[in-house]
PDB file of N, CA and C in Angstrom:
ATOM      1  N   MET A   1      55.178 -45.163 -32.478  1.00  0.00           N
ATOM      2  CA  MET A   1      55.408 -43.797 -32.925  1.00  0.00           C
ATOM      3  C   MET A   1      54.486 -42.821 -32.188  1.00  0.00           C
ATOM      4  N   ASP A   2      53.232 -43.222 -32.032  1.00  0.00           N
ATOM      5  CA  ASP A   2      52.282 -42.358 -31.320  1.00  0.00           C
ATOM      6  C   ASP A   2      52.668 -42.194 -29.857  1.00  0.00           C
ATOM      7  N   GLU A   3      53.221 -43.275 -29.260  1.00  0.00           N
ATOM      8  CA  GLU A   3      53.634 -43.192 -27.863  1.00  0.00           C
ATOM      9  C   GLU A   3      54.787 -42.201 -27.693  1.00  0.00           C
ATOM     10  N   ILE A   4      55.713 -42.217 -28.634  1.00  0.00           N
ATOM     11  CA  ILE A   4      56.844 -41.292 -28.578  1.00  0.00           C
ATOM     12  C   ILE A   4      56.347 -39.858 -28.735  1.00  0.00           C
ATOM     13  N   ARG A   5      55.412 -39.652 -29.643  1.00  0.00           N
ATOM     14  CA  ARG A   5      54.869 -38.312 -29.867  1.00  0.00           C
ATOM     15  C   ARG A   5      54.143 -37.808 -28.619  1.00  0.00           C
ATOM     16  N   GLU A   6      53.356 -38.674 -27.975  1.00  0.00           N
ATOM     17  CA  GLU A   6      52.661 -38.285 -26.747  1.00  0.00           C
ATOM     18  C   GLU A   6      53.656 -37.987 -25.628  1.00  0.00           C
ATOM     19  N   PHE A   7      54.717 -38.802 -25.568  1.00  0.00           N
ATOM     20  CA  PHE A   7      55.748 -38.590 -24.565  1.00  0.00           C
ATOM     21  C   PHE A   7      56.456 -37.247 -24.783  1.00  0.00           C
ATOM     22  N   LEU A   8      56.776 -36.928 -26.018  1.00  0.00           N
ATOM     23  CA  LEU A   8      57.423 -35.653 -26.339  1.00  0.00           C
ATOM     24  C   LEU A   8      56.494 -34.475 -26.061  1.00  0.00           C
ATOM     25  N   LEU A   9      55.200 -34.637 -26.342  1.00  0.00           N
ATOM     26  CA  LEU A   9      54.242 -33.574 -26.035  1.00  0.00           C
ATOM     27  C   LEU A   9      54.146 -33.333 -24.529  1.00  0.00           C
ATOM     28  N   ALA A  10      54.184 -34.410 -23.762  1.00  0.00           N
ATOM     29  CA  ALA A  10      54.139 -34.278 -22.304  1.00  0.00           C
ATOM     30  C   ALA A  10      55.387 -33.555 -21.798  1.00  0.00           C
ATOM     31  N   ILE A  11      56.548 -33.928 -22.311  1.00  0.00           N
ATOM     32  CA  ILE A  11      57.796 -33.271 -21.917  1.00  0.00           C
ATOM     33  C   ILE A  11      57.752 -31.797 -22.303  1.00  0.00           C
ATOM     34  N   PHE A  12      57.276 -31.496 -23.503  1.00  0.00           N
ATOM     35  CA  PHE A  12      57.177 -30.116 -23.966  1.00  0.00           C
ATOM     36  C   PHE A  12      56.237 -29.319 -23.070  1.00  0.00           C
ATOM     37  N   ALA A  13      55.116 -29.903 -22.693  1.00  0.00           N
ATOM     38  CA  ALA A  13      54.160 -29.212 -21.824  1.00  0.00           C
ATOM     39  C   ALA A  13      54.794 -28.918 -20.465  1.00  0.00           C
ATOM     40  N   VAL A  14      55.520 -29.878 -19.924  1.00  0.00           N
ATOM     41  CA  VAL A  14      56.190 -29.670 -18.632  1.00  0.00           C
ATOM     42  C   VAL A  14      57.225 -28.560 -18.762  1.00  0.00           C
ATOM     43  N   LEU A  15      57.998 -28.563 -19.832  1.00  0.00           N
ATOM     44  CA  LEU A  15      58.997 -27.522 -20.041  1.00  0.00           C
ATOM     45  C   LEU A  15      58.361 -26.142 -20.161  1.00  0.00           C
ATOM     46  N   VAL A  16      57.234 -26.063 -20.848  1.00  0.00           N
ATOM     47  CA  VAL A  16      56.535 -24.784 -20.984  1.00  0.00           C
ATOM     48  C   VAL A  16      56.087 -24.290 -19.612  1.00  0.00           C
ATOM     49  N   PHE A  17      55.527 -25.177 -18.797  1.00  0.00           N
ATOM     50  CA  PHE A  17      55.098 -24.782 -17.449  1.00  0.00           C
ATOM     51  C   PHE A  17      56.278 -24.362 -16.584  1.00  0.00           C
ATOM     52  N   VAL A  18      57.402 -25.042 -16.717  1.00  0.00           N
ATOM     53  CA  VAL A  18      58.596 -24.687 -15.947  1.00  0.00           C
ATOM     54  C   VAL A  18      59.092 -23.306 -16.358  1.00  0.00           C
ATOM     55  N   VAL A  19      59.127 -23.029 -17.649  1.00  0.00           N
ATOM     56  CA  VAL A  19      59.585 -21.721 -18.137  1.00  0.00           C
ATOM     57  C   VAL A  19      58.638 -20.624 -17.674  1.00  0.00           C
ATOM     58  N   ILE A  20      57.351 -20.852 -17.781  1.00  0.00           N
ATOM     59  CA  ILE A  20      56.367 -19.861 -17.327  1.00  0.00           C
ATOM     60  C   ILE A  20      56.515 -19.620 -15.830  1.00  0.00           C
ATOM     61  N   GLY A  21      56.686 -20.674 -15.052  1.00  0.00           N
ATOM     62  CA  GLY A  21      56.885 -20.537 -13.608  1.00  0.00           C
ATOM     63  C   GLY A  21      58.153 -19.759 -13.286  1.00  0.00           C
ATOM     64  N   PHE A  22      59.225 -20.037 -14.036  1.00  0.00           N
ATOM     65  CA  PHE A  22      60.477 -19.327 -13.817  1.00  0.00           C
ATOM     66  C   PHE A  22      60.321 -17.843 -14.118  1.00  0.00           C
ATOM     67  N   VAL A  23      59.652 -17.512 -15.201  1.00  0.00           N
ATOM     68  CA  VAL A  23      59.443 -16.104 -15.574  1.00  0.00           C
ATOM     69  C   VAL A  23      58.592 -15.393 -14.521  1.00  0.00           C
ATOM     70  N   ILE A  24      57.529 -16.025 -14.077  1.00  0.00           N
ATOM     71  CA  ILE A  24      56.663 -15.419 -13.055  1.00  0.00           C
ATOM     72  C   ILE A  24      57.442 -15.221 -11.755  1.00  0.00           C
ATOM     73  N   ARG A  25      58.265 -16.206 -11.404  1.00  0.00           N
ATOM     74  CA  ARG A  25      59.066 -16.097 -10.187  1.00  0.00           C
ATOM     75  C   ARG A  25      60.048 -14.936 -10.286  1.00  0.00           C
ATOM     76  N   ARG A  26      60.686 -14.770 -11.434  1.00  0.00           N
ATOM     77  CA  ARG A  26      61.630 -13.661 -11.623  1.00  0.00           C
ATOM     78  C   ARG A  26      60.920 -12.300 -11.537  1.00  0.00           C
ATOM     79  N   ILE A  27      59.748 -12.220 -12.127  1.00  0.00           N
ATOM     80  CA  ILE A  27      58.985 -10.968 -12.090  1.00  0.00           C
ATOM     81  C   ILE A  27      58.605 -10.630 -10.651  1.00  0.00           C
ATOM     82  N   LEU A  28      58.098 -11.601  -9.919  1.00  0.00           N
ATOM     83  CA  LEU A  28      57.709 -11.360  -8.523  1.00  0.00           C
ATOM     84  C   LEU A  28      58.922 -11.023  -7.659  1.00  0.00           C
ATOM     85  N   SER A  29      60.049 -11.659  -7.922  1.00  0.00           N
ATOM     86  CA  SER A  29      61.269 -11.361  -7.185  1.00  0.00           C
ATOM     87  C   SER A  29      61.723  -9.931  -7.452  1.00  0.00           C
ATOM     88  N   SER A  30      61.621  -9.503  -8.693  1.00  0.00           N
ATOM     89  CA  SER A  30      61.998  -8.140  -9.053  1.00  0.00           C
ATOM     90  C   SER A  30      61.094  -7.121  -8.358  1.00  0.00           C
ATOM     91  N   ILE A  31      59.811  -7.384  -8.356  1.00  0.00           N
ATOM     92  CA  ILE A  31      58.861  -6.490  -7.691  1.00  0.00           C
ATOM     93  C   ILE A  31      59.144  -6.437  -6.191  1.00  0.00           C
ATOM     94  N   SER A  32      59.424  -7.584  -5.601  1.00  0.00           N
ATOM     95  CA  SER A  32      59.725  -7.642  -4.171  1.00  0.00           C
ATOM     96  C   SER A  32      60.986  -6.845  -3.855  1.00  0.00           C
ATOM     97  N   ASP A  33      62.014  -6.966  -4.697  1.00  0.00           N
ATOM     98  CA  ASP A  33      63.246  -6.210  -4.475  1.00  0.00           C
ATOM     99  C   ASP A  33      62.991  -4.713  -4.544  1.00  0.00           C
ATOM    100  N   LYS A  34      62.175  -4.290  -5.499  1.00  0.00           N
ATOM    101  CA  LYS A  34      61.879  -2.864  -5.613  1.00  0.00           C
ATOM    102  C   LYS A  34      61.131  -2.359  -4.383  1.00  0.00           C
ATOM    103  N   ILE A  35      60.204  -3.154  -3.878  1.00  0.00           N
ATOM    104  CA  ILE A  35      59.460  -2.762  -2.677  1.00  0.00           C
ATOM    105  C   ILE A  35      60.411  -2.675  -1.482  1.00  0.00           C
ATOM    106  N   ASN A  36      61.284  -3.660  -1.340  1.00  0.00           N
ATOM    107  CA  ASN A  36      62.230  -3.654  -0.220  1.00  0.00           C
ATOM    108  C   ASN A  36      63.190  -2.476  -0.320  1.00  0.00           C
ATOM    109  N   ASN A  37      63.652  -2.165  -1.520  1.00  0.00           N
ATOM    110  CA  ASN A  37      64.560  -1.036  -1.691  1.00  0.00           C
ATOM    111  C   ASN A  37      63.873   0.280  -1.352  1.00  0.00           C
ATOM    112  N   SER A  38      62.611   0.402  -1.709  1.00  0.00           N
ATOM    113  CA  SER A  38      61.905   1.642  -1.387  1.00  0.00           C
ATOM    114  C   SER A  38      61.708   1.766   0.124  1.00  0.00           C
ATOM    115  N   GLU A  39      61.492   0.651   0.804  1.00  0.00           N
ATOM    116  CA  GLU A  39      61.354   0.688   2.267  1.00  0.00           C
ATOM    117  C   GLU A  39      62.671   1.102   2.915  1.00  0.00           C
ATOM    118  N   VAL A  40      63.785   0.574   2.406  1.00  0.00           N
ATOM    119  CA  VAL A  40      65.096   0.933   2.948  1.00  0.00           C
ATOM    120  C   VAL A  40      65.360   2.414   2.704  1.00  0.00           C
ATOM    121  N   TYR A  41      65.043   2.887   1.510  1.00  0.00           N
ATOM    122  CA  TYR A  41      65.236   4.305   1.190  1.00  0.00           C
ATOM    123  C   TYR A  41      64.390   5.180   2.111  1.00  0.00           C
ATOM    124  N   LYS A  42      63.166   4.740   2.358  1.00  0.00           N
ATOM    125  CA  LYS A  42      62.266   5.496   3.236  1.00  0.00           C
ATOM    126  C   LYS A  42      62.838   5.563   4.652  1.00  0.00           C
ATOM    127  N   GLU A  43      63.345   4.439   5.153  1.00  0.00           N
ATOM    128  CA  GLU A  43      63.920   4.408   6.494  1.00  0.00           C
ATOM    129  C   GLU A  43      65.162   5.292   6.575  1.00  0.00           C
ATOM    130  N   ASP A  44      66.017   5.238   5.551  1.00  0.00           N
ATOM    131  CA  ASP A  44      67.220   6.072   5.541  1.00  0.00           C
ATOM    132  C   ASP A  44      66.852   7.552   5.522  1.00  0.00           C
ATOM    133  N   THR A  45      65.889   7.912   4.710  1.00  0.00           N
ATOM    134  CA  THR A  45      65.455   9.307   4.633  1.00  0.00           C
ATOM    135  C   THR A  45      64.889   9.767   5.972  1.00  0.00           C
ATOM    136  N   LEU A  46      64.114   8.914   6.595  1.00  0.00           N
ATOM    137  CA  LEU A  46      63.540   9.248   7.898  1.00  0.00           C
ATOM    138  C   LEU A  46      64.636   9.446   8.938  1.00  0.00           C
ATOM    139  N   ARG A  47      65.643   8.593   8.915  1.00  0.00           N
ATOM    140  CA  ARG A  47      66.743   8.691   9.869  1.00  0.00           C
ATOM    141  C   ARG A  47      67.502  10.014   9.678  1.00  0.00           C
ATOM    142  N   VAL A  48      67.755  10.371   8.435  1.00  0.00           N
ATOM    143  CA  VAL A  48      68.459  11.630   8.159  1.00  0.00           C
ATOM    144  C   VAL A  48      67.626  12.821   8.609  1.00  0.00           C
ATOM    145  N   LEU A  49      66.337  12.787   8.341  1.00  0.00           N
ATOM    146  CA  LEU A  49      65.472  13.888   8.766  1.00  0.00           C
ATOM    147  C   LEU A  49      65.424  14.010  10.290  1.00  0.00           C
ATOM    148  N   GLU A  50      65.424  12.893  10.987  1.00  0.00           N
ATOM    149  CA  GLU A  50      65.436  12.933  12.453  1.00  0.00           C
ATOM    150  C   GLU A  50      66.740  13.529  12.964  1.00  0.00           C
ATOM    151  N   GLU A  51      67.866  13.193  12.328  1.00  0.00           N
ATOM    152  CA  GLU A  51      69.146  13.765  12.732  1.00  0.00           C
ATOM    153  C   GLU A  51      69.151  15.271  12.503  1.00  0.00           C
ATOM    154  N   ILE A  52      68.624  15.704  11.384  1.00  0.00           N
ATOM    155  CA  ILE A  52      68.548  17.140  11.102  1.00  0.00           C
ATOM    156  C   ILE A  52      67.670  17.841  12.138  1.00  0.00           C
ATOM    157  N   ARG A  53      66.547  17.227  12.471  1.00  0.00           N
ATOM    158  CA  ARG A  53      65.655  17.802  13.478  1.00  0.00           C
ATOM    159  C   ARG A  53      66.364  17.941  14.821  1.00  0.00           C
ATOM    160  N   ASP A  54      67.105  16.897  15.210  1.00  0.00           N
ATOM    161  CA  ASP A  54      67.821  16.944  16.481  1.00  0.00           C
ATOM    162  C   ASP A  54      68.887  18.039  16.476  1.00  0.00           C
ATOM    163  N   GLU A  55      69.596  18.174  15.377  1.00  0.00           N
ATOM    164  CA  GLU A  55      70.612  19.222  15.289  1.00  0.00           C
ATOM    165  C   GLU A  55      69.981  20.611  15.347  1.00  0.00           C
ATOM    166  N   LEU A  56      68.842  20.770  14.688  1.00  0.00           N
ATOM    167  CA  LEU A  56      68.154  22.061  14.738  1.00  0.00           C
ATOM    168  C   LEU A  56      67.656  22.371  16.145  1.00  0.00           C
ATOM    169  N   LYS A  57      67.207  21.361  16.858  1.00  0.00           N
ATOM    170  CA  LYS A  57      66.782  21.572  18.247  1.00  0.00           C
ATOM    171  C   LYS A  57      67.951  22.038  19.101  1.00  0.00           C
ATOM    172  N   GLN A  58      69.104  21.396  18.905  1.00  0.00           N
ATOM    173  CA  GLN A  58      70.290  21.780  19.673  1.00  0.00           C
ATOM    174  C   GLN A  58      70.709  23.208  19.343  1.00  0.00           C
ATOM    175  N   LEU A  59      70.690  23.553  18.061  1.00  0.00           N
ATOM    176  CA  LEU A  59      71.037  24.919  17.679  1.00  0.00           C
ATOM    177  C   LEU A  59      70.057  25.928  18.252  1.00  0.00           C
ATOM    178  N   ASN A  60      68.805  25.559  18.257  1.00  0.00           N
ATOM    179  CA  ASN A  60      67.781  26.447  18.808  1.00  0.00           C
ATOM    180  C   ASN A  60      67.978  26.651  20.316  1.00  0.00           C
ATOM    181  N   LYS A  61      68.356  25.601  21.029  1.00  0.00           N
ATOM    182  CA  LYS A  61      68.613  25.706  22.475  1.00  0.00           C
ATOM    183  C   LYS A  61      69.806  26.631  22.728  1.00  0.00           C
ATOM    184  N   LYS A  62      70.850  26.497  21.903  1.00  0.00           N
ATOM    185  CA  LYS A  62      72.031  27.339  22.067  1.00  0.00           C
ATOM    186  C   LYS A  62      71.686  28.807  21.816  1.00  0.00           C
ATOM    187  N   ASP A  63      70.866  29.039  20.802  1.00  0.00           N
ATOM    188  CA  ASP A  63      70.474  30.418  20.474  1.00  0.00           C
ATOM    189  C   ASP A  63      69.603  31.030  21.568  1.00  0.00           C
ATOM    190  N   THR A  64      68.717  30.265  22.123  1.00  0.00           N
ATOM    191  CA  THR A  64      67.819  30.812  23.159  1.00  0.00           C
ATOM    192  C   THR A  64      68.545  31.018  24.484  1.00  0.00           C
ATOM    193  N   SER A  65      69.622  30.272  24.717  1.00  0.00           N
ATOM    194  CA  SER A  65      70.359  30.414  25.970  1.00  0.00           C
ATOM    195  C   SER A  65      71.239  31.663  25.964  1.00  0.00           C
ATOM    196  N   LYS A  66      71.512  32.227  24.796  1.00  0.00           N
ATOM    197  CA  LYS A  66      72.359  33.428  24.724  1.00  0.00           C
ATOM    198  C   LYS A  66      71.655  34.651  25.141  1.00  0.00           C
TER     199      LYS A  66
END
């Protein structure tokens, strides 16, 4: 009976560690996704701003040539 109880306690301990590891992994994955999304947003914003700058330069050249 004691052997079965020790065996069940060992299984329970392993399950607890697996659940804790899974939760920590999900949290870190979520944080990583948020960081990656912010980097993508930053790159997209930068690209749009560069396009606007280029268009303004072209408009400025057209205005100065008149």
